[in-house]
N, C-alpha and C. Protein backbone atom coordinates (compact mmCIF):
# COMPACT_ATOMS: atom_id res chain seq x y z
N MET A 1 11.63 0.85 -21.69
CA MET A 1 10.70 1.10 -21.16
C MET A 1 10.01 -0.16 -20.26
N ALA A 2 9.44 -0.15 -18.70
CA ALA A 2 8.77 -1.67 -18.21
C ALA A 2 7.70 -0.54 -18.19
N THR A 3 6.97 -1.90 -18.13
CA THR A 3 4.78 -1.39 -17.90
C THR A 3 4.56 -1.99 -16.64
N LEU A 4 3.93 -1.44 -16.19
CA LEU A 4 3.74 -1.04 -14.43
C LEU A 4 1.60 -2.29 -14.24
N ILE A 5 0.98 -2.50 -14.94
CA ILE A 5 -0.32 -3.53 -14.20
C ILE A 5 -0.32 -2.79 -12.98
N LEU A 6 -1.79 -1.90 -12.85
CA LEU A 6 -2.78 -1.55 -11.92
C LEU A 6 -3.91 -2.41 -12.34
N GLY A 7 -4.82 -2.33 -10.97
CA GLY A 7 -5.87 -2.28 -10.76
C GLY A 7 -7.10 -1.00 -11.14
N ASN A 8 -8.00 -1.00 -10.61
CA ASN A 8 -8.95 0.19 -10.17
C ASN A 8 -7.51 0.33 -9.37
N ARG A 9 -7.51 2.39 -8.84
CA ARG A 9 -6.96 3.38 -8.01
C ARG A 9 -7.36 3.30 -6.59
N ILE A 10 -9.06 3.27 -6.87
CA ILE A 10 -9.96 3.60 -6.13
C ILE A 10 -9.63 2.69 -5.77
N TYR A 11 -9.94 1.03 -5.62
CA TYR A 11 -9.79 0.25 -5.03
C TYR A 11 -8.66 -0.81 -4.85
N SER A 12 -8.05 -0.89 -6.01
CA SER A 12 -6.73 -1.64 -5.39
C SER A 12 -5.99 -1.67 -4.57
N SER A 13 -5.76 -2.37 -3.63
CA SER A 13 -5.08 -1.97 -2.45
C SER A 13 -4.04 -2.59 -2.73
N TRP A 14 -3.07 -3.46 -3.34
CA TRP A 14 -2.26 -4.30 -3.78
C TRP A 14 -0.75 -3.10 -4.92
N SER A 15 -1.99 -2.64 -5.50
CA SER A 15 -1.59 -1.72 -6.75
C SER A 15 -0.73 -0.67 -6.40
N LEU A 16 -1.05 -0.16 -5.19
CA LEU A 16 -1.16 0.96 -4.72
C LEU A 16 0.29 0.42 -4.54
N ARG A 17 0.73 -0.45 -3.53
CA ARG A 17 1.65 -0.61 -2.89
C ARG A 17 3.03 -0.59 -4.48
N GLY A 18 2.21 -1.62 -4.53
CA GLY A 18 3.71 -1.34 -6.35
C GLY A 18 4.26 0.10 -6.86
N TRP A 19 2.67 0.52 -6.95
CA TRP A 19 2.93 1.99 -7.75
C TRP A 19 4.03 2.40 -7.40
N LEU A 20 3.47 3.07 -5.24
CA LEU A 20 4.56 3.35 -4.25
C LEU A 20 6.32 3.32 -4.98
N LEU A 21 6.10 1.75 -4.46
CA LEU A 21 7.62 1.50 -4.10
C LEU A 21 8.43 2.19 -5.36
N VAL A 22 7.55 1.93 -7.02
CA VAL A 22 8.65 2.24 -8.31
C VAL A 22 8.57 3.69 -8.23
N ARG A 23 7.11 3.34 -7.49
CA ARG A 23 7.53 5.71 -7.89
C ARG A 23 8.44 6.30 -7.60
N GLN A 24 9.10 5.34 -5.68
CA GLN A 24 9.83 5.64 -4.66
C GLN A 24 11.72 5.45 -5.66
N ALA A 25 11.54 4.48 -6.36
CA ALA A 25 12.13 3.51 -7.65
C ALA A 25 12.64 5.05 -7.78
N GLY A 26 11.79 5.34 -8.62
CA GLY A 26 12.14 6.31 -9.93
C GLY A 26 12.20 5.26 -11.12
N LEU A 27 12.01 4.10 -10.75
CA LEU A 27 11.59 3.36 -12.66
C LEU A 27 10.45 3.94 -13.78
N ALA A 28 11.08 3.96 -14.27
CA ALA A 28 10.62 4.72 -15.63
C ALA A 28 10.22 4.11 -16.07
N VAL A 29 8.46 3.03 -16.62
CA VAL A 29 7.78 3.10 -16.50
C VAL A 29 5.97 3.22 -17.41
N GLU A 30 5.16 2.85 -17.71
CA GLU A 30 4.02 2.64 -18.32
C GLU A 30 2.98 2.07 -17.60
N GLU A 31 2.66 2.61 -17.53
CA GLU A 31 1.09 2.06 -16.62
C GLU A 31 -0.41 1.44 -17.38
N ILE A 32 -0.86 1.42 -16.77
CA ILE A 32 -1.70 -0.28 -17.37
C ILE A 32 -3.13 -0.45 -16.51
N VAL A 33 -4.15 0.64 -16.33
CA VAL A 33 -4.99 0.07 -15.77
C VAL A 33 -5.79 -0.98 -15.75
N ILE A 34 -6.51 -2.00 -15.06
CA ILE A 34 -6.96 -2.79 -15.92
C ILE A 34 -8.86 -2.69 -14.01
N PRO A 35 -9.65 -2.54 -14.97
CA PRO A 35 -10.51 -2.10 -13.48
C PRO A 35 -10.77 -3.22 -13.36
N LEU A 36 -11.40 -3.24 -12.07
CA LEU A 36 -11.80 -5.44 -11.22
C LEU A 36 -12.71 -5.20 -11.50
N ARG A 37 -12.91 -6.78 -11.32
CA ARG A 37 -14.77 -7.92 -11.06
C ARG A 37 -15.62 -6.97 -12.28
N THR A 38 -14.86 -6.87 -13.83
CA THR A 38 -15.46 -7.25 -14.68
C THR A 38 -15.52 -8.12 -15.40
N PRO A 39 -16.10 -8.69 -16.88
CA PRO A 39 -16.17 -10.05 -16.57
C PRO A 39 -14.20 -10.06 -17.88
N ASP A 40 -14.48 -9.58 -18.02
CA ASP A 40 -12.89 -9.25 -18.81
C ASP A 40 -11.47 -9.14 -17.83
N THR A 41 -11.69 -9.31 -16.83
CA THR A 41 -10.33 -8.95 -15.79
C THR A 41 -9.53 -9.67 -15.34
N ALA A 42 -10.37 -10.95 -15.57
CA ALA A 42 -8.97 -12.64 -15.63
C ALA A 42 -9.31 -12.06 -16.95
N SER A 43 -8.61 -11.75 -17.87
CA SER A 43 -7.65 -12.37 -19.28
C SER A 43 -7.28 -11.22 -19.35
N GLU A 44 -7.70 -10.08 -18.73
CA GLU A 44 -7.30 -8.61 -18.93
C GLU A 44 -6.02 -9.33 -18.62
N ILE A 45 -5.81 -9.14 -17.67
CA ILE A 45 -4.63 -9.31 -16.23
C ILE A 45 -3.47 -10.46 -16.73
N GLY A 46 -4.12 -11.13 -17.58
CA GLY A 46 -3.48 -12.76 -18.05
C GLY A 46 -2.41 -12.29 -18.64
N LYS A 47 -3.40 -11.46 -19.35
CA LYS A 47 -2.31 -11.40 -20.74
C LYS A 47 -0.22 -10.83 -20.28
N HIS A 48 -0.67 -10.36 -19.17
CA HIS A 48 0.65 -9.43 -18.51
C HIS A 48 1.58 -10.54 -17.27
N SER A 49 0.19 -10.88 -16.62
CA SER A 49 0.64 -11.24 -15.00
C SER A 49 0.47 -13.02 -14.67
N PRO A 50 1.37 -14.38 -14.39
CA PRO A 50 1.65 -15.59 -14.29
C PRO A 50 0.83 -16.19 -13.31
N SER A 51 -0.36 -14.99 -12.53
CA SER A 51 -0.50 -15.02 -10.98
C SER A 51 -2.12 -14.30 -11.24
N GLY A 52 -2.21 -14.12 -12.39
CA GLY A 52 -3.56 -13.52 -12.72
C GLY A 52 -3.57 -12.53 -11.44
N LYS A 53 -2.80 -11.49 -11.09
CA LYS A 53 -2.92 -10.48 -10.28
C LYS A 53 -2.53 -9.31 -9.86
N VAL A 54 -2.60 -8.21 -9.64
CA VAL A 54 -1.81 -7.18 -9.66
C VAL A 54 -1.35 -6.66 -8.75
N PRO A 55 -0.36 -5.97 -8.28
CA PRO A 55 0.28 -5.29 -9.12
C PRO A 55 1.10 -6.04 -10.02
N THR A 56 1.41 -5.66 -11.39
CA THR A 56 3.09 -7.37 -12.13
C THR A 56 3.57 -5.82 -12.85
N LEU A 57 4.65 -6.36 -12.54
CA LEU A 57 6.00 -4.76 -12.66
C LEU A 57 6.43 -6.11 -14.25
N VAL A 58 6.99 -5.20 -15.53
CA VAL A 58 6.86 -6.01 -16.36
C VAL A 58 8.49 -5.97 -16.93
N ALA A 59 9.49 -6.44 -16.68
CA ALA A 59 10.94 -5.19 -17.12
C ALA A 59 11.60 -5.81 -18.54
N GLY A 60 11.37 -5.67 -19.24
CA GLY A 60 11.82 -6.71 -20.74
C GLY A 60 11.90 -8.38 -20.78
N ASP A 61 12.46 -9.17 -20.64
CA ASP A 61 11.77 -10.18 -20.51
C ASP A 61 11.62 -10.37 -18.99
N LEU A 62 12.07 -9.58 -18.07
CA LEU A 62 12.12 -10.14 -16.67
C LEU A 62 9.63 -9.69 -16.18
N THR A 63 9.17 -10.76 -15.77
CA THR A 63 7.85 -9.84 -14.85
C THR A 63 8.17 -10.06 -13.27
N VAL A 64 7.28 -9.21 -12.87
CA VAL A 64 8.12 -9.94 -11.83
C VAL A 64 6.00 -9.24 -11.36
N TRP A 65 5.33 -10.47 -9.87
CA TRP A 65 3.88 -10.26 -9.56
C TRP A 65 3.32 -10.45 -8.33
N ASP A 66 4.63 -9.27 -7.72
CA ASP A 66 4.71 -9.58 -6.78
C ASP A 66 4.63 -8.51 -5.47
N SER A 67 4.36 -7.97 -5.12
CA SER A 67 3.43 -6.72 -3.85
C SER A 67 6.49 -6.68 -3.62
N LEU A 68 6.32 -7.50 -2.87
CA LEU A 68 7.28 -7.62 -1.32
C LEU A 68 8.14 -7.90 -2.73
N ALA A 69 7.76 -8.36 -4.45
CA ALA A 69 9.34 -9.05 -4.54
C ALA A 69 10.04 -7.57 -5.43
N ILE A 70 8.54 -6.98 -6.08
CA ILE A 70 8.24 -5.53 -6.49
C ILE A 70 9.65 -4.92 -5.66
N ALA A 71 8.90 -5.05 -4.00
CA ALA A 71 9.90 -4.47 -3.45
C ALA A 71 11.73 -4.25 -3.48
N GLU A 72 11.37 -6.21 -3.15
CA GLU A 72 13.57 -5.93 -4.27
C GLU A 72 14.51 -5.90 -5.63
N TYR A 73 13.26 -6.14 -5.71
CA TYR A 73 13.64 -5.35 -7.08
C TYR A 73 14.07 -4.05 -7.68
N CYS A 74 13.01 -3.56 -7.19
CA CYS A 74 13.35 -1.55 -6.75
C CYS A 74 14.19 -1.15 -5.99
N ALA A 75 14.87 -2.07 -4.98
CA ALA A 75 16.11 -1.51 -4.16
C ALA A 75 16.73 -1.87 -4.63
N GLU A 76 17.63 -2.99 -5.94
CA GLU A 76 18.10 -3.60 -6.23
C GLU A 76 18.90 -2.34 -7.98
N GLN A 77 17.08 -2.10 -8.09
CA GLN A 77 17.50 -1.32 -8.94
C GLN A 77 17.85 -0.06 -9.04
N ALA A 78 17.65 -0.03 -7.13
CA ALA A 78 18.06 1.31 -7.03
C ALA A 78 18.50 2.13 -5.27
N PRO A 79 19.59 1.47 -5.67
CA PRO A 79 20.01 1.47 -4.05
C PRO A 79 20.14 2.49 -3.36
N ASP A 80 19.72 3.83 -3.60
CA ASP A 80 19.80 4.70 -2.65
C ASP A 80 18.49 4.92 -3.06
N ALA A 81 17.83 4.98 -3.48
CA ALA A 81 16.32 5.10 -3.32
C ALA A 81 15.73 5.87 -1.76
N GLY A 82 16.21 4.15 -0.78
CA GLY A 82 15.89 4.30 0.18
C GLY A 82 14.64 3.32 0.59
N ILE A 83 14.00 2.27 -0.54
CA ILE A 83 13.23 1.11 -0.33
C ILE A 83 13.29 0.87 1.06
N TRP A 84 14.76 0.54 1.27
CA TRP A 84 15.12 0.00 2.60
C TRP A 84 15.56 0.89 3.58
N PRO A 85 15.41 0.99 5.16
CA PRO A 85 16.34 1.60 6.34
C PRO A 85 17.56 0.84 5.92
N ALA A 86 18.78 1.83 6.07
CA ALA A 86 19.89 1.76 5.65
C ALA A 86 20.43 0.41 6.56
N ASN A 87 20.08 0.50 7.64
CA ASN A 87 20.53 0.16 9.30
C ASN A 87 20.15 -1.75 9.08
N ALA A 88 20.89 -1.96 9.63
CA ALA A 88 20.40 -3.33 9.65
C ALA A 88 19.54 -3.52 10.41
N ALA A 89 19.54 -3.64 11.42
CA ALA A 89 18.21 -3.67 12.80
C ALA A 89 17.07 -3.10 12.10
N ALA A 90 16.69 -2.11 11.28
CA ALA A 90 16.16 -1.38 10.72
C ALA A 90 15.12 -2.57 9.96
N ARG A 91 16.39 -2.42 9.33
CA ARG A 91 16.16 -3.38 7.49
C ARG A 91 15.09 -4.78 8.28
N ALA A 92 15.88 -5.01 9.12
CA ALA A 92 15.48 -6.58 9.16
C ALA A 92 13.92 -5.96 9.33
N VAL A 93 12.87 -5.51 10.25
CA VAL A 93 12.69 -5.17 11.24
C VAL A 93 11.54 -4.48 9.77
N ALA A 94 11.84 -3.62 9.27
CA ALA A 94 11.40 -2.95 8.15
C ALA A 94 10.33 -4.38 7.10
N ARG A 95 11.28 -4.90 7.81
CA ARG A 95 11.00 -6.63 6.32
C ARG A 95 10.00 -7.65 6.85
N SER A 96 10.15 -7.35 8.41
CA SER A 96 9.86 -8.68 8.70
C SER A 96 7.52 -7.79 8.86
N VAL A 97 7.78 -6.23 9.53
CA VAL A 97 6.68 -6.19 9.13
C VAL A 97 6.35 -6.25 7.67
N SER A 98 6.61 -5.29 7.17
CA SER A 98 5.73 -5.60 5.68
C SER A 98 5.58 -7.42 5.88
N ALA A 99 6.20 -8.26 5.73
CA ALA A 99 5.48 -9.50 5.65
C ALA A 99 4.75 -10.01 6.14
N GLU A 100 4.64 -9.48 7.39
CA GLU A 100 3.38 -9.42 8.46
C GLU A 100 2.02 -9.42 7.65
N MET A 101 2.80 -7.66 7.25
CA MET A 101 1.50 -7.04 6.14
C MET A 101 0.47 -7.54 4.77
N HIS A 102 1.49 -8.13 4.20
CA HIS A 102 1.32 -8.73 3.13
C HIS A 102 0.22 -10.24 3.32
N ALA A 103 0.56 -11.27 4.89
CA ALA A 103 -0.19 -12.08 4.85
C ALA A 103 -1.34 -11.99 6.18
N GLY A 104 -0.97 -11.00 6.24
CA GLY A 104 -2.29 -10.32 7.96
C GLY A 104 -2.97 -9.70 7.64
N PHE A 105 -3.92 -10.01 8.81
CA PHE A 105 -4.79 -8.55 8.90
C PHE A 105 -6.39 -9.09 7.57
N GLN A 106 -6.39 -10.38 7.65
CA GLN A 106 -7.81 -10.91 6.77
C GLN A 106 -9.27 -10.30 7.28
N ALA A 107 -9.29 -10.54 8.40
CA ALA A 107 -10.23 -9.20 9.15
C ALA A 107 -10.56 -7.78 9.04
N LEU A 108 -9.87 -7.45 8.69
CA LEU A 108 -9.80 -5.40 8.06
C LEU A 108 -9.55 -6.00 7.02
N ARG A 109 -9.16 -6.58 6.42
CA ARG A 109 -8.90 -6.77 4.76
C ARG A 109 -10.31 -7.21 4.08
N GLY A 110 -10.91 -8.61 4.63
CA GLY A 110 -12.77 -8.51 4.65
C GLY A 110 -14.08 -7.34 4.64
N ALA A 111 -13.29 -6.80 5.92
CA ALA A 111 -14.33 -5.54 6.34
C ALA A 111 -14.67 -4.59 5.62
N TRP A 112 -12.80 -4.30 5.56
CA TRP A 112 -12.70 -3.12 5.04
C TRP A 112 -12.30 -2.17 4.34
N PRO A 113 -13.51 -2.71 2.23
CA PRO A 113 -11.76 -2.96 1.64
C PRO A 113 -11.94 -1.34 0.73
N MET A 114 -10.42 -1.17 0.31
CA MET A 114 -10.37 0.22 -0.01
C MET A 114 -10.91 0.71 -1.08
N ASN A 115 -11.92 1.53 -0.74
CA ASN A 115 -12.05 2.84 -1.39
C ASN A 115 -12.00 4.07 -0.86
N LEU A 116 -11.10 4.17 -2.01
CA LEU A 116 -10.89 5.91 -1.74
C LEU A 116 -12.03 7.28 -2.58
N LYS A 117 -13.20 6.58 -2.72
CA LYS A 117 -14.96 7.00 -2.28
C LYS A 117 -14.85 7.74 -1.19
N ARG A 118 -14.92 6.55 -0.50
CA ARG A 118 -15.73 6.30 0.72
C ARG A 118 -15.57 7.44 1.66
N LYS A 119 -16.49 9.12 2.19
CA LYS A 119 -15.99 9.79 3.06
C LYS A 119 -16.72 8.93 4.39
N GLY A 120 -17.18 8.56 4.92
CA GLY A 120 -18.21 8.31 5.94
C GLY A 120 -19.60 8.00 5.70
N PRO A 121 -20.44 7.78 6.02
CA PRO A 121 -19.93 7.78 7.87
C PRO A 121 -19.19 7.13 8.35
N ALA A 122 -18.95 6.90 10.09
CA ALA A 122 -17.80 5.94 10.04
C ALA A 122 -18.41 5.01 10.64
N LEU A 123 -17.39 3.71 10.01
CA LEU A 123 -17.89 1.96 10.28
C LEU A 123 -17.81 1.11 11.08
N ALA A 124 -18.27 0.87 12.40
CA ALA A 124 -17.53 0.64 13.50
C ALA A 124 -17.19 -1.15 13.64
N PRO A 125 -15.70 -0.78 13.75
CA PRO A 125 -15.09 -2.57 13.72
C PRO A 125 -15.51 -2.60 14.40
N ASP A 126 -15.98 -4.56 13.67
CA ASP A 126 -16.50 -5.80 14.60
C ASP A 126 -15.16 -5.99 16.02
N ALA A 127 -15.19 -7.18 16.50
CA ALA A 127 -14.10 -8.13 17.28
C ALA A 127 -13.25 -7.98 16.40
N ALA A 128 -12.58 -8.82 15.66
CA ALA A 128 -11.52 -9.26 14.55
C ALA A 128 -11.39 -7.94 13.93
N VAL A 129 -11.85 -7.09 13.24
CA VAL A 129 -11.79 -5.78 12.80
C VAL A 129 -10.83 -4.32 13.67
N ALA A 130 -10.98 -4.74 15.33
CA ALA A 130 -10.88 -4.03 16.62
C ALA A 130 -9.24 -4.73 16.08
N ALA A 131 -9.12 -6.62 16.43
CA ALA A 131 -7.74 -6.55 16.99
C ALA A 131 -7.49 -6.33 16.15
N ASP A 132 -7.59 -6.56 14.30
CA ASP A 132 -6.66 -6.23 13.25
C ASP A 132 -5.82 -4.95 13.99
N ILE A 133 -6.45 -4.14 13.81
CA ILE A 133 -5.96 -2.18 13.96
C ILE A 133 -5.30 -2.52 15.53
N ALA A 134 -5.63 -3.60 16.35
CA ALA A 134 -4.95 -3.57 17.52
C ALA A 134 -3.72 -3.54 17.55
N ARG A 135 -3.82 -4.72 16.50
CA ARG A 135 -2.26 -5.14 16.74
C ARG A 135 -1.56 -4.27 15.63
N ILE A 136 -1.60 -3.35 14.63
CA ILE A 136 -1.11 -2.49 13.79
C ILE A 136 -0.92 -1.00 14.46
N SER A 137 -1.78 -0.92 15.45
CA SER A 137 -0.99 0.47 15.23
C SER A 137 0.17 0.48 17.01
N ALA A 138 -0.19 -1.68 16.59
CA ALA A 138 1.02 -2.34 18.38
C ALA A 138 2.56 -1.92 16.98
N ILE A 139 2.57 -2.71 16.19
CA ILE A 139 3.14 -2.04 15.27
C ILE A 139 4.34 -0.83 14.67
N TRP A 140 2.55 0.31 14.33
CA TRP A 140 2.90 1.49 14.19
C TRP A 140 4.39 2.19 15.29
N ALA A 141 3.01 1.15 16.61
CA ALA A 141 4.12 2.06 18.22
C ALA A 141 6.11 2.54 18.06
N ASP A 142 5.93 0.77 17.80
CA ASP A 142 7.45 -0.35 18.13
C ASP A 142 8.27 0.48 16.83
N CYS A 143 7.83 0.52 15.60
CA CYS A 143 9.05 0.92 14.71
C CYS A 143 9.59 2.51 14.98
N ARG A 144 8.03 3.02 15.27
CA ARG A 144 8.64 4.47 15.50
C ARG A 144 9.39 4.94 16.57
N ALA A 145 9.51 3.69 17.78
CA ALA A 145 9.87 4.26 19.35
C ALA A 145 11.53 4.04 19.02
N ARG A 146 11.44 3.19 17.98
CA ARG A 146 12.73 1.72 17.71
C ARG A 146 13.79 2.81 17.50
N PHE A 147 13.14 2.62 15.86
CA PHE A 147 13.50 3.41 14.54
C PHE A 147 13.30 4.82 14.18
N GLY A 148 11.96 5.10 15.22
CA GLY A 148 12.06 6.77 13.82
C GLY A 148 12.02 7.82 13.27
N GLN A 149 13.38 7.89 13.83
CA GLN A 149 13.93 8.92 13.54
C GLN A 149 15.02 8.98 12.01
N GLY A 150 14.51 7.61 11.63
CA GLY A 150 16.27 7.55 10.31
C GLY A 150 17.13 8.60 10.02
N ARG A 151 17.21 8.57 8.90
CA ARG A 151 17.99 9.77 8.57
C ARG A 151 17.53 11.04 9.12
N SER A 152 16.02 11.67 8.22
CA SER A 152 15.73 12.77 9.26
C SER A 152 14.64 13.38 10.05
N GLY A 153 14.92 12.87 10.31
CA GLY A 153 13.42 12.10 11.91
C GLY A 153 12.48 12.52 11.42
N GLY A 154 11.98 12.15 10.10
CA GLY A 154 10.15 11.67 9.52
C GLY A 154 9.58 11.51 10.79
N PRO A 155 7.90 11.78 10.29
CA PRO A 155 7.40 10.95 11.03
C PRO A 155 6.59 9.17 10.06
N PHE A 156 7.23 9.07 9.58
CA PHE A 156 7.71 7.37 8.78
C PHE A 156 8.30 6.62 9.83
N LEU A 157 7.60 5.45 9.38
CA LEU A 157 7.45 4.24 10.69
C LEU A 157 9.24 4.20 11.26
N PHE A 158 10.19 4.59 9.82
CA PHE A 158 11.71 4.67 10.25
C PHE A 158 11.54 5.57 10.08
N GLY A 159 11.02 6.75 9.82
CA GLY A 159 12.04 8.32 9.75
C GLY A 159 11.54 8.44 8.53
N ASP A 160 13.11 8.02 7.94
CA ASP A 160 12.17 8.17 6.01
C ASP A 160 11.13 7.69 5.69
N TRP A 161 10.52 7.47 4.80
CA TRP A 161 10.10 7.02 4.01
C TRP A 161 10.93 5.43 3.57
N CYS A 162 9.82 4.81 3.89
CA CYS A 162 10.15 3.29 2.89
C CYS A 162 9.50 2.34 3.05
N ALA A 163 9.76 1.11 2.38
CA ALA A 163 8.82 0.07 1.68
C ALA A 163 7.41 -0.16 2.62
N ALA A 164 7.54 -0.69 4.12
CA ALA A 164 6.94 -0.52 5.04
C ALA A 164 6.04 0.55 4.88
N ASP A 165 6.08 1.66 4.47
CA ASP A 165 5.43 2.64 4.58
C ASP A 165 3.99 1.83 3.44
N ALA A 166 5.20 1.72 2.47
CA ALA A 166 4.13 1.63 1.22
C ALA A 166 3.30 0.34 1.38
N MET A 167 3.79 -0.38 2.22
CA MET A 167 3.19 -1.58 2.20
C MET A 167 1.89 -1.28 3.41
N TYR A 168 2.06 0.17 4.16
CA TYR A 168 0.38 -0.28 5.24
C TYR A 168 0.01 0.90 4.52
N ALA A 169 0.34 2.16 3.69
CA ALA A 169 -0.91 2.08 2.72
C ALA A 169 -1.57 2.40 2.95
N PRO A 170 -2.30 2.06 1.77
CA PRO A 170 -3.61 1.25 2.13
C PRO A 170 -4.59 0.61 3.77
N VAL A 171 -3.23 0.46 4.90
CA VAL A 171 -4.23 0.38 5.59
C VAL A 171 -4.94 1.65 6.35
N VAL A 172 -3.57 2.73 5.42
CA VAL A 172 -4.05 3.86 6.02
C VAL A 172 -5.36 4.86 5.80
N SER A 173 -5.45 3.97 4.32
CA SER A 173 -6.10 4.61 3.87
C SER A 173 -7.20 3.88 4.30
N ARG A 174 -7.77 2.54 4.31
CA ARG A 174 -8.95 2.15 4.78
C ARG A 174 -9.40 2.51 6.56
N TYR A 175 -8.38 3.00 6.89
CA TYR A 175 -8.55 3.75 8.41
C TYR A 175 -9.46 5.47 8.33
N VAL A 176 -9.67 5.92 6.83
CA VAL A 176 -9.15 7.52 6.47
C VAL A 176 -11.48 7.29 6.11
N SER A 177 -11.04 5.90 5.35
CA SER A 177 -12.49 6.57 4.83
C SER A 177 -13.52 5.83 5.44
N TYR A 178 -13.08 4.65 7.04
CA TYR A 178 -14.75 4.57 7.49
C TYR A 178 -13.94 4.58 8.40
N GLY A 179 -13.51 5.25 9.27
CA GLY A 179 -13.38 6.09 10.17
C GLY A 179 -13.05 5.00 11.85
N ALA A 180 -11.42 4.44 11.22
CA ALA A 180 -11.03 4.06 12.59
C ALA A 180 -11.24 4.85 14.00
N PRO A 181 -11.41 4.05 15.27
CA PRO A 181 -11.02 4.64 16.43
C PRO A 181 -9.44 4.89 16.50
N LEU A 182 -8.56 5.41 16.33
CA LEU A 182 -7.61 5.91 16.81
C LEU A 182 -6.33 6.52 18.13
N ASP A 183 -5.72 6.10 18.09
CA ASP A 183 -4.81 6.52 20.02
C ASP A 183 -4.33 7.36 18.62
N PRO A 184 -4.15 8.16 19.08
CA PRO A 184 -3.57 9.73 18.67
C PRO A 184 -1.29 9.82 17.71
N GLN A 185 -0.98 8.59 18.24
CA GLN A 185 0.33 8.36 17.85
C GLN A 185 -0.44 7.83 16.54
N ALA A 186 -1.56 6.79 16.13
CA ALA A 186 -1.44 6.30 14.89
C ALA A 186 -2.10 7.51 14.00
N THR A 187 -3.26 8.14 14.48
CA THR A 187 -3.89 9.67 13.87
C THR A 187 -3.08 10.63 12.98
N ALA A 188 -1.84 10.69 13.79
CA ALA A 188 -0.50 11.28 13.45
C ALA A 188 0.27 10.56 12.03
N TYR A 189 0.64 9.49 12.72
CA TYR A 189 1.25 9.10 11.31
C TYR A 189 -0.35 8.51 10.05
N CYS A 190 -1.37 8.19 10.51
CA CYS A 190 -2.46 8.20 9.15
C CYS A 190 -1.69 9.87 7.86
N THR A 191 -1.68 10.79 9.27
CA THR A 191 -1.88 12.76 8.63
C THR A 191 -1.03 11.77 7.47
N ALA A 192 0.65 12.01 8.16
CA ALA A 192 1.26 11.74 7.86
C ALA A 192 1.73 10.99 6.32
N VAL A 193 0.99 9.22 6.19
CA VAL A 193 1.23 8.45 5.09
C VAL A 193 0.14 10.30 3.97
N MET A 194 -0.61 10.28 4.64
CA MET A 194 -2.39 10.48 3.07
C MET A 194 -1.50 11.54 2.41
N ASN A 195 -1.13 12.66 3.35
CA ASN A 195 -0.17 13.80 2.74
C ASN A 195 1.34 13.44 1.87
N HIS A 196 1.73 12.18 1.44
CA HIS A 196 2.95 12.27 2.05
C HIS A 196 2.41 12.58 -0.05
N PRO A 197 3.15 13.05 -0.79
CA PRO A 197 3.85 13.75 -1.94
C PRO A 197 3.29 12.63 -4.01
N LEU A 198 3.08 10.84 -3.02
CA LEU A 198 2.68 10.45 -3.65
C LEU A 198 1.36 9.32 -3.57
N MET A 199 1.27 10.30 -2.53
CA MET A 199 -0.55 9.34 -1.66
C MET A 199 -1.28 10.14 -1.79
N ARG A 200 -0.62 11.50 -2.75
CA ARG A 200 -2.06 12.66 -2.80
C ARG A 200 -1.74 12.51 -4.61
N GLU A 201 -0.51 12.12 -4.95
CA GLU A 201 -0.81 12.32 -7.10
C GLU A 201 -1.91 10.67 -7.36
N TRP A 202 -1.22 9.45 -5.77
CA TRP A 202 -3.05 8.56 -6.53
C TRP A 202 -3.88 9.07 -5.97
N SER A 203 -4.38 9.38 -5.41
CA SER A 203 -5.56 10.25 -4.89
C SER A 203 -5.98 10.79 -5.88
N GLU A 204 -4.84 12.22 -6.18
CA GLU A 204 -6.38 12.91 -7.27
C GLU A 204 -6.09 12.44 -8.68
N ARG A 205 -5.52 11.17 -9.35
CA ARG A 205 -5.76 10.35 -10.30
C ARG A 205 -7.07 9.40 -9.95
N ALA A 206 -7.07 9.22 -8.69
CA ALA A 206 -8.38 7.92 -8.89
C ALA A 206 -9.20 8.67 -8.44
N SER A 207 -9.71 10.04 -8.04
CA SER A 207 -10.53 10.37 -8.08
C SER A 207 -11.23 11.59 -8.96
N THR A 208 -10.21 10.50 -10.45
CA THR A 208 -11.25 10.85 -11.90
C THR A 208 -11.73 9.38 -12.65
N GLU A 209 -11.58 8.13 -12.04
CA GLU A 209 -12.10 7.30 -12.42
C GLU A 209 -13.10 7.18 -12.31
N THR A 210 -14.04 6.32 -13.27
CA THR A 210 -15.38 6.40 -12.61
C THR A 210 -15.13 4.90 -13.08
N TRP A 211 -14.95 4.01 -12.85
CA TRP A 211 -15.66 2.49 -12.06
C TRP A 211 -15.98 2.98 -11.15
N ALA A 212 -16.44 1.25 -10.71
CA ALA A 212 -17.51 0.94 -9.97
C ALA A 212 -17.84 -0.23 -9.45
N ILE A 213 -17.06 -0.09 -8.21
CA ILE A 213 -18.42 -2.27 -7.90
C ILE A 213 -18.82 -1.88 -6.68
N SER A 214 -19.75 -2.78 -7.17
CA SER A 214 -21.16 -2.06 -6.55
C SER A 214 -21.35 -2.34 -4.90
N ASP A 215 -20.64 -3.60 -4.69
CA ASP A 215 -20.39 -3.96 -3.33
C ASP A 215 -19.89 -3.90 -2.51
N ILE A 216 -18.20 -2.81 -3.22
CA ILE A 216 -17.51 -1.96 -2.10
C ILE A 216 -18.62 0.13 -2.14
N ASP A 217 -18.90 -0.44 -2.46
CA ASP A 217 -19.27 1.51 -2.93
C ASP A 217 -20.81 1.18 -1.78
N ALA A 218 -21.41 0.47 -1.67
CA ALA A 218 -22.82 0.62 -0.69
C ALA A 218 -22.09 -0.30 0.48
N LEU A 219 -20.52 -0.63 1.27
CA LEU A 219 -20.29 -0.46 2.94
C LEU A 219 -20.26 1.34 3.46
């Protein structure tokens, strides 16, 4: 059985991405959750991850320590799981918007860290965060308009849930936690993501955690 190394479910956005991908692929994994920002965090993660970061997937002699690499590994291990869209054009765009999420939106990440415990009040975005929100909304609208029918006509970026939705799922959680001002289409997408069974499971498991990161909780 493989092992998936995660940070706190309440706070770890990248862990959420990796976990969603592994679960969509149906891989059998043991989960190890390591609390973040403790004196032992670096050494504990370093036992498993050469980058010192989570998520990390360990499968036998193979270690995969990046979320996009985990997506590709899952797609190869479970080719029928729909990790990426079946249509070539949709797949190329899904990879593009996933890579943009992977590398960008630093203002949003810095100002609004993931915190599934936060229930408001709304936190007004500054100009840089507002610009990130606008770009993300444009991405979502474009994907839905061009590829949103998918195989089932579902409510996700490419119709059916795929890796692109996993990559943006922590953004959705931030929008809910901090009360982001969104247009109706983006709001509908956020609702669909938060109601996905895997997101519900993650949130329920996060609710049992007792670890706290004080500077994030203070926002």
